[in-house]
Amino acid sequence: MAVGMAVLAAATGGALSAPAAAEGEPVVTFPTHCLPPQEAGLPPADGPTTARITVDNPAPRVGDTVTVTYQVIATPAVNPAGGELPADALTPTGRILLAGAQNGEVTVVGAQRNDPVLAGAPLPAVTMTGTFTVTAPGEITLAPGAYTLHMSHPLDLDTVCTADAGAPVSERLTATPLPTANLRSVFLAAAHGKPGDKVKVTAAGFTPGAAVTVAGRAGAAETADRVAAAADELGVVRAELPVTDKATTAVVAYEGAAWTAGQGSGPAAYTVIDAAPLPPGTQKLSATVEPGALGMTQTGEDIALGAVSYGDGGAAPGRIGTVTVKDARGGPAGWSLIGKVTDFTGPGGVRIPGASLSWTPSCTAAAGSPSPCTPGSAGVVGQDGAVLASTPDAPLVGGTFTVDATVTLQVPAYTPPGAYTSVLTLTLS
């Protein structure tokens, strides 16, 4: 596992209606009880609400920030004002209910936008958005909750609408866990031997007390050489592996029924030297390809973001120092590069949340690299972390990769002038 850190600095210096539901999107209808403001003197409005929830990322990883949109397409609520409601006088707020792998509520807010509404006429469609951070892997369901339609004319009036028996699920997403560093490793007392020789094996980083298999490998396949052992209370395995299969070129150790990138060590090279006599006048040649390490380097230490004007706020752009990842392990496990950022701290302890920093990653594999490189999704970095780049598991992985990203810090309007600094940490595993 490799870790890189960089310091980021920034300096501050018409009426619309919600669109109709699109074909194929998750529209639901549920009975609603809408209470008009007491000042209106109107009875409750009961009837169906038609709504739709969508997400910007249906397959996030734990730690990702998901943007959700709650659209009320039709509501039984009516204009409670005594006269016409003018344009852009309606502000909606609401809740989205999370269930499944993650429970909770998401608060959503809409813009103050609407066409004029006649007295007593149904209130128009509204759209509200919000965000939440994924905290658990698995399927998460999203259902529409209560919503409030606030009118600022002629008085501040609220119509509150709740689902009589709970609204049905309108959207689902499936979250995957963040990759974790695999610290399992295997060391050999000898790198070569004759057929039948026993090689002393020391493996570390395993679950204490776990059953561990030590096995020979030929490329991505296991050979007939195998022995069972158990990890001690420190997760260390000590075993002697008889190597009889001439095809064996490496030794691995793993927990479970078969080797996996998450439960197994990388390979340790081993050469079987055939002891059979050679014909007169001949010589046997052998060569060993030693596995290397996974590591990264990064250009520069500090990242200077663009300045924004006091009062206006806005986007402060920049770019991270280019990262070069070299994977010379020669095994089947890919890698992931994760970034996390702290809050930006400025004069007098004023903070800009780390969640205000977003990036657009890019990744290029050097010519001849066995693995392809996939950049992470564009979006918020934040303190919970986001994927900058990754390579997949495969029978044989490796290569050299150039990773980059443009970054943007959204600075709120009227942020006190001065320099704001944060720390971006990159973790390779």
Protein backbone atom coordinates (compact mmCIF):
# COMPACT_ATOMS: atom_id res chain seq x y z
CA MET A 1 0.00 0.00 0.00
CA ALA A 2 1.35 3.43 -0.93
CA VAL A 3 0.11 6.78 0.29
CA GLY A 4 0.52 10.19 -1.34
CA MET A 5 -0.43 13.54 0.14
CA ALA A 6 -0.80 16.95 -1.44
CA VAL A 7 -1.81 20.35 -0.09
CA LEU A 8 -4.58 22.16 -1.96
CA ALA A 9 -4.92 25.92 -1.68
CA ALA A 10 -7.61 28.28 -2.91
CA ALA A 11 -7.95 32.06 -2.63
CA THR A 12 -11.17 34.11 -2.49
CA GLY A 13 -10.94 37.55 -3.41
CA GLY A 14 -38.32 33.05 -16.73
CA ALA A 15 -41.06 30.85 -15.06
CA LEU A 16 -40.71 27.09 -15.54
CA SER A 17 -42.86 24.02 -14.88
CA ALA A 18 -41.53 20.52 -14.14
CA PRO A 19 -41.39 18.33 -17.26
CA ALA A 20 -43.76 15.48 -17.85
CA ALA A 21 -42.70 11.97 -16.81
CA ALA A 22 -40.43 10.33 -19.34
CA GLU A 23 -41.27 6.87 -20.66
CA GLY A 24 -39.60 4.05 -18.75
CA GLU A 25 -38.71 6.07 -15.66
CA PRO A 26 -39.89 4.88 -12.21
CA VAL A 27 -43.19 6.74 -11.72
CA VAL A 28 -45.34 5.80 -8.69
CA THR A 29 -48.77 6.90 -7.47
CA PHE A 30 -49.82 6.85 -3.82
CA PRO A 31 -52.69 8.26 -1.70
CA THR A 32 -51.86 11.60 -0.10
CA HIS A 33 -53.31 13.74 2.69
CA CYS A 34 -52.50 17.43 2.12
CA LEU A 35 -53.12 19.95 4.91
CA PRO A 36 -53.53 23.53 3.64
CA PRO A 37 -52.32 26.39 5.85
CA GLN A 38 -54.66 27.19 8.70
CA GLU A 39 -54.99 30.79 7.49
CA ALA A 40 -56.63 29.60 4.24
CA GLY A 41 -59.67 28.09 6.00
CA LEU A 42 -59.74 25.19 3.51
CA PRO A 43 -60.44 21.49 4.23
CA PRO A 44 -57.67 18.92 3.72
CA ALA A 45 -57.08 17.80 0.15
CA ASP A 46 -57.00 14.01 -0.21
CA GLY A 47 -56.05 12.30 -3.42
CA PRO A 48 -53.26 10.64 -5.34
CA THR A 49 -49.77 12.04 -5.73
CA THR A 50 -47.84 10.96 -8.80
CA ALA A 51 -44.09 11.14 -8.29
CA ARG A 52 -40.77 9.93 -9.61
CA ILE A 53 -37.33 9.53 -7.98
CA THR A 54 -34.11 9.28 -9.97
CA VAL A 55 -30.43 9.07 -9.03
CA ASP A 56 -27.34 10.21 -10.89
CA ASN A 57 -25.45 6.98 -10.10
CA PRO A 58 -27.35 3.67 -9.76
CA ALA A 59 -24.17 1.71 -8.94
CA PRO A 60 -22.13 3.76 -6.44
CA ARG A 61 -19.38 2.59 -4.13
CA VAL A 62 -19.51 2.99 -0.38
CA GLY A 63 -18.39 6.55 0.34
CA ASP A 64 -19.75 7.97 -2.92
CA THR A 65 -22.12 10.94 -2.84
CA VAL A 66 -25.33 10.28 -4.77
CA THR A 67 -27.54 13.09 -6.10
CA VAL A 68 -31.26 12.27 -5.92
CA THR A 69 -34.14 14.01 -7.67
CA TYR A 70 -37.71 13.89 -6.34
CA GLN A 71 -40.28 15.08 -8.85
CA VAL A 72 -43.92 15.56 -7.83
CA ILE A 73 -45.68 15.28 -11.17
CA ALA A 74 -49.24 15.72 -9.83
CA THR A 75 -50.56 16.61 -6.36
CA PRO A 76 -54.05 16.96 -4.85
CA ALA A 77 -52.94 20.19 -3.13
CA VAL A 78 -54.53 23.41 -4.41
CA ASN A 79 -53.56 27.05 -4.29
CA PRO A 80 -54.68 28.16 -0.81
CA ALA A 81 -54.23 31.87 -1.48
CA GLY A 82 -57.32 33.99 -1.90
CA GLY A 83 -56.19 35.05 -5.37
CA GLU A 84 -53.80 34.08 -8.11
CA LEU A 85 -50.39 32.79 -7.05
CA PRO A 86 -47.83 34.71 -9.10
CA ALA A 87 -44.92 33.17 -10.93
CA ASP A 88 -41.86 32.04 -8.96
CA ALA A 89 -43.56 32.23 -5.54
CA LEU A 90 -43.62 28.47 -4.78
CA THR A 91 -40.72 26.66 -3.04
CA PRO A 92 -40.92 22.88 -2.51
CA THR A 93 -39.09 20.79 0.08
CA GLY A 94 -39.43 17.09 0.74
CA ARG A 95 -37.99 13.85 2.05
CA ILE A 96 -36.87 10.66 0.35
CA LEU A 97 -36.96 7.49 2.46
CA LEU A 98 -34.00 5.09 2.24
CA ALA A 99 -34.36 1.40 3.12
CA GLY A 100 -32.59 -1.88 2.52
CA ALA A 101 -28.83 -1.84 3.01
CA GLN A 102 -29.04 1.76 4.29
CA ASN A 103 -31.87 3.36 6.24
CA GLY A 104 -32.54 7.05 6.66
CA GLU A 105 -33.99 10.13 5.02
CA VAL A 106 -32.70 12.49 2.37
CA THR A 107 -33.83 16.13 2.46
CA VAL A 108 -34.53 17.57 -0.99
CA VAL A 109 -35.21 21.18 -1.97
CA GLY A 110 -36.51 22.73 -5.17
CA ALA A 111 -35.99 26.08 -6.81
CA GLN A 112 -38.54 28.89 -6.39
CA ARG A 113 -39.99 28.44 -9.87
CA ASN A 114 -43.57 28.08 -11.04
CA ASP A 115 -46.04 29.39 -13.57
CA PRO A 116 -48.92 31.51 -12.22
CA VAL A 117 -51.64 29.45 -10.48
CA LEU A 118 -55.28 30.53 -10.33
CA ALA A 119 -57.06 30.66 -6.96
CA GLY A 120 -58.24 27.18 -5.97
CA ALA A 121 -56.45 25.51 -8.90
CA PRO A 122 -54.14 22.49 -8.36
CA LEU A 123 -50.58 23.42 -7.51
CA PRO A 124 -48.08 22.69 -10.30
CA ALA A 125 -45.50 19.95 -10.66
CA VAL A 126 -42.25 20.57 -8.76
CA THR A 127 -38.75 19.11 -8.80
CA MET A 128 -36.49 18.81 -5.73
CA THR A 129 -32.91 17.60 -5.41
CA GLY A 130 -30.56 16.58 -2.61
CA THR A 131 -27.60 14.33 -1.89
CA PHE A 132 -26.63 11.54 0.48
CA THR A 133 -23.47 9.56 1.15
CA VAL A 134 -23.56 5.80 0.68
CA THR A 135 -22.55 4.10 3.94
CA ALA A 136 -23.26 0.40 3.32
CA PRO A 137 -22.96 -2.05 0.41
CA GLY A 138 -26.04 -3.74 -1.04
CA GLU A 139 -29.39 -2.73 -2.53
CA ILE A 140 -30.81 0.58 -1.31
CA THR A 141 -34.43 1.46 -2.09
CA LEU A 142 -35.76 5.01 -2.39
CA ALA A 143 -39.39 5.93 -1.79
CA PRO A 144 -41.05 9.37 -1.87
CA GLY A 145 -41.85 10.81 1.55
CA ALA A 146 -43.71 13.87 2.77
CA TYR A 147 -43.35 17.14 0.86
CA THR A 148 -44.14 20.75 1.70
CA LEU A 149 -45.23 23.40 -0.80
CA HIS A 150 -44.30 26.84 0.60
CA MET A 151 -45.85 29.99 -0.88
CA SER A 152 -44.38 33.42 -0.28
CA HIS A 153 -47.39 35.40 -1.60
CA PRO A 154 -49.41 37.09 -0.26
CA LEU A 155 -48.20 35.56 3.03
CA ASP A 156 -45.81 32.78 3.94
CA LEU A 157 -48.10 29.74 3.67
CA ASP A 158 -47.25 26.02 3.84
CA THR A 159 -49.23 23.10 2.44
CA VAL A 160 -47.91 19.83 3.93
CA CYS A 161 -48.61 16.56 2.09
CA THR A 162 -48.01 13.12 3.60
CA ALA A 163 -48.51 9.61 2.24
CA ASP A 164 -51.51 7.97 3.94
CA ALA A 165 -50.03 4.46 3.99
CA GLY A 166 -46.49 4.97 2.83
CA ALA A 167 -45.39 5.44 -0.75
CA PRO A 168 -44.06 2.58 -2.89
CA VAL A 169 -40.43 2.27 -3.92
CA SER A 170 -39.67 4.49 -6.89
CA GLU A 171 -35.94 3.84 -7.40
CA ARG A 172 -33.25 1.32 -6.44
CA LEU A 173 -29.48 1.41 -6.46
CA THR A 174 -26.86 -1.21 -5.66
CA ALA A 175 -23.79 -0.05 -3.72
CA THR A 176 -20.49 -1.90 -3.76
CA PRO A 177 -17.88 -1.77 -0.99
CA LEU A 178 -14.67 0.18 -1.35
CA PRO A 179 -11.67 -1.98 -2.14
CA THR A 180 -9.52 -2.71 0.89
CA ALA A 181 -5.79 -3.18 0.99
CA ASN A 182 -4.69 -6.84 0.84
CA LEU A 183 -1.58 -7.12 2.99
CA ARG A 184 -1.16 -10.90 2.60
CA SER A 185 2.33 -11.90 1.47
CA VAL A 186 4.47 -15.03 1.10
CA PHE A 187 8.25 -15.49 1.45
CA LEU A 188 10.37 -18.51 0.47
CA ALA A 189 13.58 -19.68 2.14
CA ALA A 190 14.89 -20.75 -1.28
CA ALA A 191 14.04 -19.58 -4.80
CA HIS A 192 14.87 -22.89 -6.52
CA GLY A 193 15.35 -26.60 -5.89
CA LYS A 194 15.28 -30.11 -7.37
CA PRO A 195 11.97 -31.96 -7.89
CA GLY A 196 10.76 -33.19 -4.50
CA ASP A 197 12.67 -30.62 -2.44
CA LYS A 198 10.79 -29.05 0.43
CA VAL A 199 10.79 -25.25 0.47
CA LYS A 200 10.21 -23.44 3.75
CA VAL A 201 7.36 -20.96 3.38
CA THR A 202 6.51 -18.02 5.65
CA ALA A 203 3.26 -16.17 4.90
CA ALA A 204 1.92 -13.14 6.76
CA GLY A 205 -1.12 -10.89 6.92
CA PHE A 206 -3.73 -13.64 7.19
CA THR A 207 -6.72 -13.88 9.55
CA PRO A 208 -5.52 -15.26 12.90
CA GLY A 209 -6.47 -18.93 13.21
CA ALA A 210 -7.60 -19.20 9.58
CA ALA A 211 -7.02 -22.33 7.49
CA VAL A 212 -4.53 -21.41 4.77
CA THR A 213 -3.51 -23.26 1.63
CA VAL A 214 0.06 -22.97 0.35
CA ALA A 215 0.20 -23.99 -3.31
CA GLY A 216 2.39 -23.97 -6.38
CA ARG A 217 1.45 -21.87 -9.38
CA ALA A 218 2.23 -22.00 -13.09
CA GLY A 219 1.08 -18.66 -14.45
CA ALA A 220 -2.55 -18.21 -13.37
CA ALA A 221 -3.16 -21.94 -12.71
CA GLU A 222 -2.31 -23.97 -9.63
CA THR A 223 -0.03 -27.00 -9.90
CA ALA A 224 -0.22 -30.27 -7.98
CA ASP A 225 2.02 -28.93 -5.19
CA ARG A 226 -0.09 -28.09 -2.14
CA VAL A 227 -0.04 -28.16 1.65
CA ALA A 228 -2.51 -27.01 4.32
CA ALA A 229 -1.51 -24.89 7.33
CA ALA A 230 -3.08 -22.61 9.93
CA ALA A 231 -2.34 -18.96 10.71
CA ASP A 232 -1.14 -18.28 14.24
CA GLU A 233 -2.51 -15.58 16.55
CA LEU A 234 -0.55 -12.95 14.59
CA GLY A 235 -1.80 -14.13 11.20
CA VAL A 236 1.56 -15.74 10.29
CA VAL A 237 1.75 -19.09 8.50
CA ARG A 238 4.80 -21.37 8.52
CA ALA A 239 4.85 -24.46 6.34
CA GLU A 240 7.06 -26.74 4.25
CA LEU A 241 5.87 -27.25 0.67
CA PRO A 242 7.19 -30.29 -1.24
CA VAL A 243 7.65 -29.09 -4.83
CA THR A 244 7.41 -32.05 -7.18
CA ASP A 245 5.57 -30.59 -10.16
CA LYS A 246 8.13 -29.39 -12.71
CA ALA A 247 5.58 -26.85 -13.98
CA THR A 248 5.65 -24.88 -10.70
CA THR A 249 7.09 -21.39 -11.23
CA ALA A 250 5.74 -19.63 -8.11
CA VAL A 251 4.18 -20.21 -4.70
CA VAL A 252 1.07 -18.51 -3.28
CA ALA A 253 -0.91 -18.72 -0.03
CA TYR A 254 -4.61 -18.09 0.40
CA GLU A 255 -7.64 -18.43 2.67
CA GLY A 256 -10.80 -20.12 1.45
CA ALA A 257 -11.46 -22.78 -1.17
CA ALA A 258 -9.52 -21.08 -3.98
CA TRP A 259 -7.14 -18.18 -4.54
CA THR A 260 -8.76 -14.76 -4.88
CA ALA A 261 -7.29 -11.28 -5.10
CA GLY A 262 -8.84 -10.37 -1.74
CA GLN A 263 -7.96 -13.56 0.18
CA GLY A 264 -4.62 -14.56 -1.30
CA SER A 265 -1.02 -13.43 -1.39
CA GLY A 266 0.91 -12.39 -4.44
CA PRO A 267 3.21 -15.02 -6.00
CA ALA A 268 6.77 -15.70 -4.85
CA ALA A 269 8.94 -16.95 -7.72
CA TYR A 270 10.34 -20.50 -7.53
CA THR A 271 12.27 -22.55 -10.11
CA VAL A 272 12.29 -26.33 -10.25
CA ILE A 273 15.70 -27.53 -11.48
CA ASP A 274 15.29 -30.81 -13.32
CA ALA A 275 17.89 -33.27 -11.99
CA ALA A 276 17.60 -35.66 -14.96
CA PRO A 277 20.98 -36.20 -16.68
CA LEU A 278 21.46 -34.40 -19.97
CA PRO A 279 22.83 -35.94 -23.14
CA PRO A 280 26.58 -35.45 -23.60
CA GLY A 281 27.51 -32.09 -25.10
CA THR A 282 24.34 -30.32 -23.91
CA GLN A 283 23.67 -27.75 -21.19
CA LYS A 284 20.47 -26.65 -19.52
CA LEU A 285 19.72 -22.93 -19.38
CA SER A 286 17.30 -21.45 -16.86
CA ALA A 287 16.16 -17.94 -16.10
CA THR A 288 13.90 -16.52 -13.40
CA VAL A 289 11.53 -13.58 -13.67
CA GLU A 290 11.30 -12.06 -10.20
CA PRO A 291 8.04 -10.38 -9.18
CA GLY A 292 8.31 -6.74 -8.18
CA ALA A 293 6.12 -4.36 -6.20
CA LEU A 294 3.12 -2.07 -6.57
CA GLY A 295 4.00 1.58 -6.03
CA MET A 296 3.37 5.13 -7.13
CA THR A 297 5.09 8.47 -7.50
CA GLN A 298 3.55 11.93 -7.79
CA THR A 299 4.85 15.16 -9.29
CA GLY A 300 4.87 18.21 -7.04
CA GLU A 301 3.62 18.67 -3.50
CA ASP A 302 1.21 21.62 -3.55
CA ILE A 303 -1.83 22.24 -5.75
CA ALA A 304 -2.76 25.88 -6.38
CA LEU A 305 -6.42 26.41 -7.27
CA GLY A 306 -7.71 29.43 -9.15
CA ALA A 307 -8.95 32.49 -7.26
CA VAL A 308 -12.60 33.53 -6.97
CA SER A 309 -14.11 36.92 -6.15
CA TYR A 310 -15.50 37.78 -2.74
CA GLY A 311 -19.27 38.08 -2.93
CA ASP A 312 -19.57 36.05 -6.13
CA GLY A 313 -17.94 32.82 -5.01
CA GLY A 314 -17.94 30.13 -7.67
CA ALA A 315 -15.59 27.49 -9.05
CA ALA A 316 -11.87 27.51 -8.25
CA PRO A 317 -10.27 25.18 -10.83
CA GLY A 318 -7.01 23.26 -10.64
CA ARG A 319 -5.27 19.96 -11.37
CA ILE A 320 -3.65 17.36 -9.11
CA GLY A 321 0.01 16.46 -9.46
CA THR A 322 0.28 13.68 -12.06
CA VAL A 323 0.52 10.23 -10.46
CA THR A 324 2.51 7.37 -12.00
CA VAL A 325 1.52 3.89 -10.81
CA LYS A 326 3.84 0.96 -11.53
CA ASP A 327 2.54 -2.57 -10.99
CA ALA A 328 5.35 -5.12 -11.30
CA ARG A 329 3.84 -7.83 -9.08
CA GLY A 330 3.04 -10.19 -11.94
CA GLY A 331 0.03 -11.68 -10.18
CA PRO A 332 -3.72 -11.64 -10.85
CA ALA A 333 -4.76 -8.84 -8.46
CA GLY A 334 -5.62 -5.39 -9.82
CA TRP A 335 -5.31 -2.18 -7.82
CA SER A 336 -7.35 0.85 -6.77
CA LEU A 337 -6.20 4.42 -6.11
CA ILE A 338 -8.47 6.18 -3.60
CA GLY A 339 -8.47 9.90 -2.76
CA LYS A 340 -9.73 11.65 0.39
CA VAL A 341 -9.69 15.39 1.15
CA THR A 342 -10.00 17.31 4.41
CA ASP A 343 -12.00 20.52 4.89
CA PHE A 344 -10.38 23.71 3.60
CA THR A 345 -9.34 25.95 6.50
CA GLY A 346 -8.92 29.71 6.10
CA PRO A 347 -8.55 32.89 8.13
CA GLY A 348 -9.98 32.72 11.63
CA GLY A 349 -10.74 29.02 11.26
CA VAL A 350 -13.38 29.56 8.57
CA ARG A 351 -13.95 26.28 6.72
CA ILE A 352 -15.05 25.25 3.26
CA PRO A 353 -16.27 21.61 3.42
CA GLY A 354 -14.10 19.02 1.71
CA ALA A 355 -17.28 17.86 -0.04
CA SER A 356 -17.12 21.11 -2.04
CA LEU A 357 -14.16 19.66 -4.00
CA SER A 358 -14.96 17.54 -7.05
CA TRP A 359 -12.72 15.99 -9.68
CA THR A 360 -12.75 14.49 -13.17
CA PRO A 361 -10.15 11.70 -13.26
CA SER A 362 -8.23 10.33 -16.25
CA CYS A 363 -5.93 7.33 -16.57
CA THR A 364 -3.67 6.07 -19.38
CA ALA A 365 -1.84 2.75 -19.55
CA ALA A 366 1.65 2.81 -21.06
CA ALA A 367 2.21 0.84 -24.25
CA GLY A 368 2.71 -2.86 -23.53
CA SER A 369 0.95 -2.80 -20.15
CA PRO A 370 -1.06 -6.02 -19.67
CA SER A 371 -3.81 -4.23 -17.69
CA PRO A 372 -6.25 -1.54 -18.85
CA CYS A 373 -6.74 1.44 -16.55
CA THR A 374 -10.20 2.77 -15.66
CA PRO A 375 -10.57 6.34 -14.32
CA GLY A 376 -12.90 6.91 -11.40
CA SER A 377 -16.24 8.63 -11.81
CA ALA A 378 -16.37 12.40 -11.98
CA GLY A 379 -17.84 13.81 -8.78
CA VAL A 380 -17.25 14.80 -5.19
CA VAL A 381 -14.03 13.68 -3.47
CA GLY A 382 -14.86 14.51 0.17
CA GLN A 383 -13.61 13.10 3.46
CA ASP A 384 -15.16 9.68 2.79
CA GLY A 385 -13.07 9.21 -0.34
CA ALA A 386 -13.58 8.50 -4.00
CA VAL A 387 -11.86 6.31 -6.59
CA LEU A 388 -9.29 8.12 -8.72
CA ALA A 389 -8.36 5.13 -10.93
CA SER A 390 -8.26 1.32 -10.88
CA THR A 391 -7.30 -1.79 -12.83
CA PRO A 392 -9.29 -5.05 -12.81
CA ASP A 393 -8.26 -8.49 -11.61
CA ALA A 394 -7.06 -10.74 -14.43
CA PRO A 395 -4.94 -13.90 -14.91
CA LEU A 396 -1.87 -11.67 -15.33
CA VAL A 397 -1.86 -7.96 -14.49
CA GLY A 398 0.69 -5.18 -14.42
CA GLY A 399 2.05 -2.19 -16.26
CA THR A 400 2.79 1.49 -15.89
CA PHE A 401 -0.07 3.97 -15.67
CA THR A 402 -0.39 7.75 -15.73
CA VAL A 403 -3.22 9.09 -13.55
CA ASP A 404 -4.43 12.68 -13.56
CA ALA A 405 -7.49 14.69 -12.59
CA THR A 406 -8.85 18.19 -12.94
CA VAL A 407 -10.35 19.49 -9.68
CA THR A 408 -12.89 22.20 -8.89
CA LEU A 409 -13.61 23.75 -5.51
CA GLN A 410 -17.04 25.38 -5.19
CA VAL A 411 -16.49 28.44 -3.00
CA PRO A 412 -19.65 29.88 -1.39
CA ALA A 413 -20.49 33.52 -2.04
CA TYR A 414 -19.18 35.97 0.55
CA THR A 415 -16.55 33.56 1.85
CA PRO A 416 -14.09 35.74 3.81
CA PRO A 417 -11.06 36.68 1.68
CA GLY A 418 -7.82 34.81 2.30
CA ALA A 419 -6.01 31.55 1.56
CA TYR A 420 -7.77 28.26 2.28
CA THR A 421 -5.79 25.02 2.54
CA SER A 422 -6.67 21.34 2.63
CA VAL A 423 -4.87 17.99 2.40
CA LEU A 424 -5.59 15.48 -0.36
CA THR A 425 -4.45 11.93 0.51
CA LEU A 426 -4.10 9.24 -2.15
CA THR A 427 -3.99 5.57 -1.09
CA LEU A 428 -2.93 2.78 -3.47
CA SER A 429 -3.96 -0.78 -2.68
